[in-house]
PDB file of N, CA and C in Angstrom:
ATOM      1  N   UNK A   1     -79.432  50.575  45.180  1.00  0.00           N
ATOM      2  CA  UNK A   1     -78.006  50.283  45.089  1.00  0.00           C
ATOM      3  C   UNK A   1     -77.789  48.776  44.980  1.00  0.00           C
ATOM      4  N   UNK A   2     -76.613  48.406  44.523  1.00  0.00           N
ATOM      5  CA  UNK A   2     -76.284  46.989  44.395  1.00  0.00           C
ATOM      6  C   UNK A   2     -76.319  46.305  45.755  1.00  0.00           C
ATOM      7  N   UNK A   3     -75.880  47.006  46.790  1.00  0.00           N
ATOM      8  CA  UNK A   3     -75.889  46.425  48.143  1.00  0.00           C
ATOM      9  C   UNK A   3     -77.317  46.141  48.601  1.00  0.00           C
ATOM     10  N   UNK A   4     -78.242  47.047  48.319  1.00  0.00           N
ATOM     11  CA  UNK A   4     -79.643  46.844  48.702  1.00  0.00           C
ATOM     12  C   UNK A   4     -80.232  45.650  47.951  1.00  0.00           C
ATOM     13  N   UNK A   5     -79.898  45.533  46.672  1.00  0.00           N
ATOM     14  CA  UNK A   5     -80.368  44.391  45.876  1.00  0.00           C
ATOM     15  C   UNK A   5     -79.801  43.099  46.451  1.00  0.00           C
ATOM     16  N   UNK A   6     -78.502  43.113  46.764  1.00  0.00           N
ATOM     17  CA  UNK A   6     -77.855  41.930  47.341  1.00  0.00           C
ATOM     18  C   UNK A   6     -78.519  41.545  48.662  1.00  0.00           C
ATOM     19  N   UNK A   7     -78.749  42.523  49.525  1.00  0.00           N
ATOM     20  CA  UNK A   7     -79.367  42.238  50.828  1.00  0.00           C
ATOM     21  C   UNK A   7     -80.760  41.650  50.663  1.00  0.00           C
ATOM     22  N   UNK A   8     -81.531  42.173  49.709  1.00  0.00           N
ATOM     23  CA  UNK A   8     -82.875  41.637  49.471  1.00  0.00           C
ATOM     24  C   UNK A   8     -82.806  40.208  48.930  1.00  0.00           C
ATOM     25  N   UNK A   9     -81.926  39.980  47.971  1.00  0.00           N
ATOM     26  CA  UNK A   9     -81.749  38.619  47.448  1.00  0.00           C
ATOM     27  C   UNK A   9     -81.312  37.666  48.559  1.00  0.00           C
ATOM     28  N   UNK A  10     -80.402  38.124  49.406  1.00  0.00           N
ATOM     29  CA  UNK A  10     -79.901  37.301  50.497  1.00  0.00           C
ATOM     30  C   UNK A  10     -81.009  36.954  51.491  1.00  0.00           C
ATOM     31  N   UNK A  11     -81.908  37.900  51.747  1.00  0.00           N
ATOM     32  CA  UNK A  11     -83.004  37.626  52.684  1.00  0.00           C
ATOM     33  C   UNK A  11     -83.988  36.609  52.111  1.00  0.00           C
ATOM     34  N   UNK A  12     -84.069  36.529  50.785  1.00  0.00           N
ATOM     35  CA  UNK A  12     -84.989  35.589  50.139  1.00  0.00           C
ATOM     36  C   UNK A  12     -84.319  34.244  49.880  1.00  0.00           C
ATOM     37  N   UNK A  13     -83.110  34.264  49.327  1.00  0.00           N
ATOM     38  CA  UNK A  13     -82.464  33.035  48.858  1.00  0.00           C
ATOM     39  C   UNK A  13     -81.367  32.503  49.781  1.00  0.00           C
ATOM     40  N   UNK A  14     -80.955  33.262  50.762  1.00  0.00           N
ATOM     41  CA  UNK A  14     -79.944  32.791  51.710  1.00  0.00           C
ATOM     42  C   UNK A  14     -78.639  32.421  51.029  1.00  0.00           C
ATOM     43  N   UNK A  15     -78.162  31.208  51.290  1.00  0.00           N
ATOM     44  CA  UNK A  15     -76.865  30.758  50.775  1.00  0.00           C
ATOM     45  C   UNK A  15     -76.821  30.619  49.256  1.00  0.00           C
ATOM     46  N   UNK A  16     -77.967  30.630  48.602  1.00  0.00           N
ATOM     47  CA  UNK A  16     -78.020  30.442  47.150  1.00  0.00           C
ATOM     48  C   UNK A  16     -77.833  31.746  46.373  1.00  0.00           C
ATOM     49  N   UNK A  17     -77.681  32.854  47.068  1.00  0.00           N
ATOM     50  CA  UNK A  17     -77.568  34.153  46.409  1.00  0.00           C
ATOM     51  C   UNK A  17     -76.184  34.307  45.757  1.00  0.00           C
ATOM     52  N   UNK A  18     -76.126  34.961  44.581  1.00  0.00           N
ATOM     53  CA  UNK A  18     -74.817  35.254  43.988  1.00  0.00           C
ATOM     54  C   UNK A  18     -74.039  36.200  44.909  1.00  0.00           C
ATOM     55  N   UNK A  19     -72.743  36.259  44.734  1.00  0.00           N
ATOM     56  CA  UNK A  19     -71.914  37.137  45.553  1.00  0.00           C
ATOM     57  C   UNK A  19     -72.192  38.610  45.277  1.00  0.00           C
ATOM     58  N   UNK A  20     -71.801  39.448  46.224  1.00  0.00           N
ATOM     59  CA  UNK A  20     -72.018  40.889  46.084  1.00  0.00           C
ATOM     60  C   UNK A  20     -71.343  41.431  44.833  1.00  0.00           C
ATOM     61  N   UNK A  21     -70.149  40.950  44.509  1.00  0.00           N
ATOM     62  CA  UNK A  21     -69.464  41.457  43.311  1.00  0.00           C
ATOM     63  C   UNK A  21     -70.243  41.111  42.042  1.00  0.00           C
ATOM     64  N   UNK A  22     -70.874  39.936  42.007  1.00  0.00           N
ATOM     65  CA  UNK A  22     -71.689  39.545  40.850  1.00  0.00           C
ATOM     66  C   UNK A  22     -72.924  40.429  40.754  1.00  0.00           C
ATOM     67  N   UNK A  23     -73.581  40.656  41.874  1.00  0.00           N
ATOM     68  CA  UNK A  23     -74.768  41.524  41.884  1.00  0.00           C
ATOM     69  C   UNK A  23     -74.375  42.936  41.463  1.00  0.00           C
ATOM     70  N   UNK A  24     -73.235  43.415  41.924  1.00  0.00           N
ATOM     71  CA  UNK A  24     -72.759  44.754  41.555  1.00  0.00           C
ATOM     72  C   UNK A  24     -72.511  44.846  40.052  1.00  0.00           C
ATOM     73  N   UNK A  25     -71.856  43.819  39.497  1.00  0.00           N
ATOM     74  CA  UNK A  25     -71.574  43.809  38.050  1.00  0.00           C
ATOM     75  C   UNK A  25     -72.867  43.808  37.244  1.00  0.00           C
ATOM     76  N   UNK A  26     -73.814  42.922  37.606  1.00  0.00           N
ATOM     77  CA  UNK A  26     -75.080  42.857  36.871  1.00  0.00           C
ATOM     78  C   UNK A  26     -75.886  44.145  37.035  1.00  0.00           C
ATOM     79  N   UNK A  27     -75.851  44.725  38.210  1.00  0.00           N
ATOM     80  CA  UNK A  27     -76.558  45.984  38.442  1.00  0.00           C
ATOM     81  C   UNK A  27     -76.037  47.067  37.500  1.00  0.00           C
ATOM     82  N   UNK A  28     -74.718  47.135  37.347  1.00  0.00           N
ATOM     83  CA  UNK A  28     -74.124  48.110  36.430  1.00  0.00           C
ATOM     84  C   UNK A  28     -74.523  47.821  34.984  1.00  0.00           C
ATOM     85  N   UNK A  29     -74.513  46.540  34.600  1.00  0.00           N
ATOM     86  CA  UNK A  29     -74.903  46.185  33.232  1.00  0.00           C
ATOM     87  C   UNK A  29     -76.328  46.653  32.925  1.00  0.00           C
ATOM     88  N   UNK A  30     -77.249  46.449  33.866  1.00  0.00           N
ATOM     89  CA  UNK A  30     -78.634  46.870  33.642  1.00  0.00           C
ATOM     90  C   UNK A  30     -78.765  48.394  33.661  1.00  0.00           C
ATOM     91  N   UNK A  31     -78.024  49.069  34.528  1.00  0.00           N
ATOM     92  CA  UNK A  31     -78.045  50.537  34.525  1.00  0.00           C
ATOM     93  C   UNK A  31     -77.531  51.086  33.200  1.00  0.00           C
ATOM     94  N   UNK A  32     -76.583  50.367  32.596  1.00  0.00           N
ATOM     95  CA  UNK A  32     -76.002  50.803  31.322  1.00  0.00           C
ATOM     96  C   UNK A  32     -76.843  50.412  30.112  1.00  0.00           C
ATOM     97  N   UNK A  33     -78.009  49.799  30.330  1.00  0.00           N
ATOM     98  CA  UNK A  33     -78.921  49.532  29.229  1.00  0.00           C
ATOM     99  C   UNK A  33     -79.173  48.084  28.873  1.00  0.00           C
ATOM    100  N   UNK A  34     -78.514  47.166  29.530  1.00  0.00           N
ATOM    101  CA  UNK A  34     -78.759  45.750  29.217  1.00  0.00           C
ATOM    102  C   UNK A  34     -80.198  45.404  29.575  1.00  0.00           C
ATOM    103  N   UNK A  35     -80.838  44.572  28.725  1.00  0.00           N
ATOM    104  CA  UNK A  35     -82.248  44.242  28.934  1.00  0.00           C
ATOM    105  C   UNK A  35     -82.483  42.757  29.211  1.00  0.00           C
ATOM    106  N   UNK A  36     -81.568  41.893  28.775  1.00  0.00           N
ATOM    107  CA  UNK A  36     -81.767  40.449  28.929  1.00  0.00           C
ATOM    108  C   UNK A  36     -80.792  39.885  29.956  1.00  0.00           C
ATOM    109  N   UNK A  37     -81.160  38.709  30.501  1.00  0.00           N
ATOM    110  CA  UNK A  37     -80.253  38.035  31.424  1.00  0.00           C
ATOM    111  C   UNK A  37     -79.479  36.910  30.746  1.00  0.00           C
ATOM    112  N   UNK A  38     -79.879  36.544  29.524  1.00  0.00           N
ATOM    113  CA  UNK A  38     -79.182  35.475  28.805  1.00  0.00           C
ATOM    114  C   UNK A  38     -77.808  35.962  28.357  1.00  0.00           C
ATOM    115  N   UNK A  39     -76.849  35.030  28.308  1.00  0.00           N
ATOM    116  CA  UNK A  39     -75.515  35.365  27.819  1.00  0.00           C
ATOM    117  C   UNK A  39     -75.583  35.755  26.351  1.00  0.00           C
ATOM    118  N   UNK A  40     -74.751  36.698  25.977  1.00  0.00           N
ATOM    119  CA  UNK A  40     -74.628  37.055  24.568  1.00  0.00           C
ATOM    120  C   UNK A  40     -73.779  35.991  23.883  1.00  0.00           C
ATOM    121  N   UNK A  41     -73.982  35.793  22.579  1.00  0.00           N
ATOM    122  CA  UNK A  41     -73.153  34.810  21.863  1.00  0.00           C
ATOM    123  C   UNK A  41     -71.668  35.161  21.986  1.00  0.00           C
ATOM    124  N   UNK A  42     -70.844  34.122  22.097  1.00  0.00           N
ATOM    125  CA  UNK A  42     -69.401  34.323  22.222  1.00  0.00           C
ATOM    126  C   UNK A  42     -68.702  33.653  21.052  1.00  0.00           C
ATOM    127  N   UNK A  43     -67.569  34.212  20.649  1.00  0.00           N
ATOM    128  CA  UNK A  43     -66.820  33.565  19.567  1.00  0.00           C
ATOM    129  C   UNK A  43     -66.146  32.295  20.074  1.00  0.00           C
ATOM    130  N   UNK A  44     -65.779  31.450  19.150  1.00  0.00           N
ATOM    131  CA  UNK A  44     -65.055  30.241  19.512  1.00  0.00           C
ATOM    132  C   UNK A  44     -65.942  29.014  19.556  1.00  0.00           C
ATOM    133  N   UNK A  45     -65.334  27.922  19.921  1.00  0.00           N
ATOM    134  CA  UNK A  45     -66.025  26.643  19.959  1.00  0.00           C
ATOM    135  C   UNK A  45     -67.021  26.616  21.115  1.00  0.00           C
ATOM    136  N   UNK A  46     -68.233  26.137  20.868  1.00  0.00           N
ATOM    137  CA  UNK A  46     -69.210  26.068  21.957  1.00  0.00           C
ATOM    138  C   UNK A  46     -68.785  25.034  23.004  1.00  0.00           C
ATOM    139  N   UNK A  47     -69.167  25.284  24.235  1.00  0.00           N
ATOM    140  CA  UNK A  47     -68.861  24.367  25.325  1.00  0.00           C
ATOM    141  C   UNK A  47     -69.767  23.152  25.211  1.00  0.00           C
ATOM    142  N   UNK A  48     -69.184  21.962  25.351  1.00  0.00           N
ATOM    143  CA  UNK A  48     -69.958  20.726  25.315  1.00  0.00           C
ATOM    144  C   UNK A  48     -70.356  20.370  26.734  1.00  0.00           C
ATOM    145  N   UNK A  49     -71.570  20.005  26.892  1.00  0.00           N
ATOM    146  CA  UNK A  49     -72.080  19.646  28.203  1.00  0.00           C
ATOM    147  C   UNK A  49     -71.543  18.277  28.616  1.00  0.00           C
ATOM    148  N   UNK A  50     -71.129  18.154  29.866  1.00  0.00           N
ATOM    149  CA  UNK A  50     -70.674  16.873  30.395  1.00  0.00           C
ATOM    150  C   UNK A  50     -71.884  16.131  30.940  1.00  0.00           C
ATOM    151  N   UNK A  51     -72.255  15.066  30.260  1.00  0.00           N
ATOM    152  CA  UNK A  51     -73.394  14.262  30.690  1.00  0.00           C
ATOM    153  C   UNK A  51     -72.967  12.807  30.760  1.00  0.00           C
ATOM    154  N   UNK A  52     -73.762  12.012  31.433  1.00  0.00           N
ATOM    155  CA  UNK A  52     -73.495  10.580  31.502  1.00  0.00           C
ATOM    156  C   UNK A  52     -73.453   9.990  30.102  1.00  0.00           C
ATOM    157  N   UNK A  53     -74.340  10.461  29.237  1.00  0.00           N
ATOM    158  CA  UNK A  53     -74.383   9.970  27.856  1.00  0.00           C
ATOM    159  C   UNK A  53     -73.084  10.299  27.116  1.00  0.00           C
ATOM    160  N   UNK A  54     -72.591  11.527  27.257  1.00  0.00           N
ATOM    161  CA  UNK A  54     -71.339  11.915  26.597  1.00  0.00           C
ATOM    162  C   UNK A  54     -70.153  11.117  27.132  1.00  0.00           C
ATOM    163  N   UNK A  55     -70.119  10.912  28.432  1.00  0.00           N
ATOM    164  CA  UNK A  55     -69.026  10.144  29.040  1.00  0.00           C
ATOM    165  C   UNK A  55     -69.039   8.715  28.526  1.00  0.00           C
ATOM    166  N   UNK A  56     -70.215   8.108  28.473  1.00  0.00           N
ATOM    167  CA  UNK A  56     -70.329   6.727  27.995  1.00  0.00           C
ATOM    168  C   UNK A  56     -69.926   6.630  26.525  1.00  0.00           C
ATOM    169  N   UNK A  57     -70.317   7.616  25.733  1.00  0.00           N
ATOM    170  CA  UNK A  57     -69.950   7.639  24.316  1.00  0.00           C
ATOM    171  C   UNK A  57     -68.423   7.678  24.166  1.00  0.00           C
ATOM    172  N   UNK A  58     -67.766   8.549  24.927  1.00  0.00           N
ATOM    173  CA  UNK A  58     -66.305   8.640  24.867  1.00  0.00           C
ATOM    174  C   UNK A  58     -65.664   7.337  25.338  1.00  0.00           C
ATOM    175  N   UNK A  59     -66.209   6.755  26.391  1.00  0.00           N
ATOM    176  CA  UNK A  59     -65.665   5.492  26.905  1.00  0.00           C
ATOM    177  C   UNK A  59     -65.735   4.390  25.849  1.00  0.00           C
ATOM    178  N   UNK A  60     -66.858   4.303  25.145  1.00  0.00           N
ATOM    179  CA  UNK A  60     -67.008   3.285  24.100  1.00  0.00           C
ATOM    180  C   UNK A  60     -66.012   3.501  22.964  1.00  0.00           C
ATOM    181  N   UNK A  61     -65.805   4.756  22.570  1.00  0.00           N
ATOM    182  CA  UNK A  61     -64.836   5.053  21.517  1.00  0.00           C
ATOM    183  C   UNK A  61     -63.423   4.650  21.942  1.00  0.00           C
ATOM    184  N   UNK A  62     -63.075   4.946  23.183  1.00  0.00           N
ATOM    185  CA  UNK A  62     -61.737   4.612  23.680  1.00  0.00           C
ATOM    186  C   UNK A  62     -61.580   3.104  23.833  1.00  0.00           C
ATOM    187  N   UNK A  63     -62.629   2.424  24.311  1.00  0.00           N
ATOM    188  CA  UNK A  63     -62.572   0.960  24.428  1.00  0.00           C
ATOM    189  C   UNK A  63     -62.374   0.308  23.065  1.00  0.00           C
ATOM    190  N   UNK A  64     -62.990   0.902  22.039  1.00  0.00           N
ATOM    191  CA  UNK A  64     -62.893   0.355  20.690  1.00  0.00           C
ATOM    192  C   UNK A  64     -61.510   0.599  20.078  1.00  0.00           C
ATOM    193  N   UNK A  65     -60.909   1.747  20.401  1.00  0.00           N
ATOM    194  CA  UNK A  65     -59.599   2.103  19.843  1.00  0.00           C
ATOM    195  C   UNK A  65     -58.814   2.861  20.909  1.00  0.00           C
ATOM    196  N   UNK A  66     -57.949   2.160  21.631  1.00  0.00           N
ATOM    197  CA  UNK A  66     -57.213   2.790  22.731  1.00  0.00           C
ATOM    198  C   UNK A  66     -56.212   3.839  22.262  1.00  0.00           C
ATOM    199  N   UNK A  67     -55.943   3.901  20.963  1.00  0.00           N
ATOM    200  CA  UNK A  67     -55.017   4.897  20.420  1.00  0.00           C
ATOM    201  C   UNK A  67     -55.744   6.066  19.753  1.00  0.00           C
ATOM    202  N   UNK A  68     -57.037   6.179  19.984  1.00  0.00           N
ATOM    203  CA  UNK A  68     -57.827   7.233  19.347  1.00  0.00           C
ATOM    204  C   UNK A  68     -57.323   8.612  19.792  1.00  0.00           C
ATOM    205  N   UNK A  69     -57.260   9.540  18.862  1.00  0.00           N
ATOM    206  CA  UNK A  69     -56.846  10.911  19.168  1.00  0.00           C
ATOM    207  C   UNK A  69     -58.033  11.679  19.741  1.00  0.00           C
ATOM    208  N   UNK A  70     -57.732  12.704  20.492  1.00  0.00           N
ATOM    209  CA  UNK A  70     -58.792  13.523  21.085  1.00  0.00           C
ATOM    210  C   UNK A  70     -59.728  14.046  20.003  1.00  0.00           C
ATOM    211  N   UNK A  71     -59.176  14.395  18.843  1.00  0.00           N
ATOM    212  CA  UNK A  71     -60.005  14.903  17.750  1.00  0.00           C
ATOM    213  C   UNK A  71     -61.012  13.860  17.276  1.00  0.00           C
ATOM    214  N   UNK A  72     -60.721  12.584  17.509  1.00  0.00           N
ATOM    215  CA  UNK A  72     -61.620  11.513  17.086  1.00  0.00           C
ATOM    216  C   UNK A  72     -62.760  11.262  18.045  1.00  0.00           C
ATOM    217  N   UNK A  73     -62.707  11.885  19.202  1.00  0.00           N
ATOM    218  CA  UNK A  73     -63.772  11.708  20.198  1.00  0.00           C
ATOM    219  C   UNK A  73     -64.699  12.910  20.104  1.00  0.00           C
ATOM    220  N   UNK A  74     -65.804  12.726  19.404  1.00  0.00           N
ATOM    221  CA  UNK A  74     -66.757  13.832  19.251  1.00  0.00           C
ATOM    222  C   UNK A  74     -68.160  13.334  19.347  1.00  0.00           C
TER     223      UNK A  74
END
């Protein structure tokens, strides 16, 4: 059961374990035939990672042109 899986994960990982509702959802997905843990592709614009490099790049663009539009920061 999802509760048994959650309890086992909790005994191993403690505070780092996902919540019971997450374990329950994933348990159902695997029972229904899901085989991978990776996210499936989603429509729309991909999420950009927030990194020190990206922040510095945006800062330099804004310093160069304080009126730059959001579309110009890429």
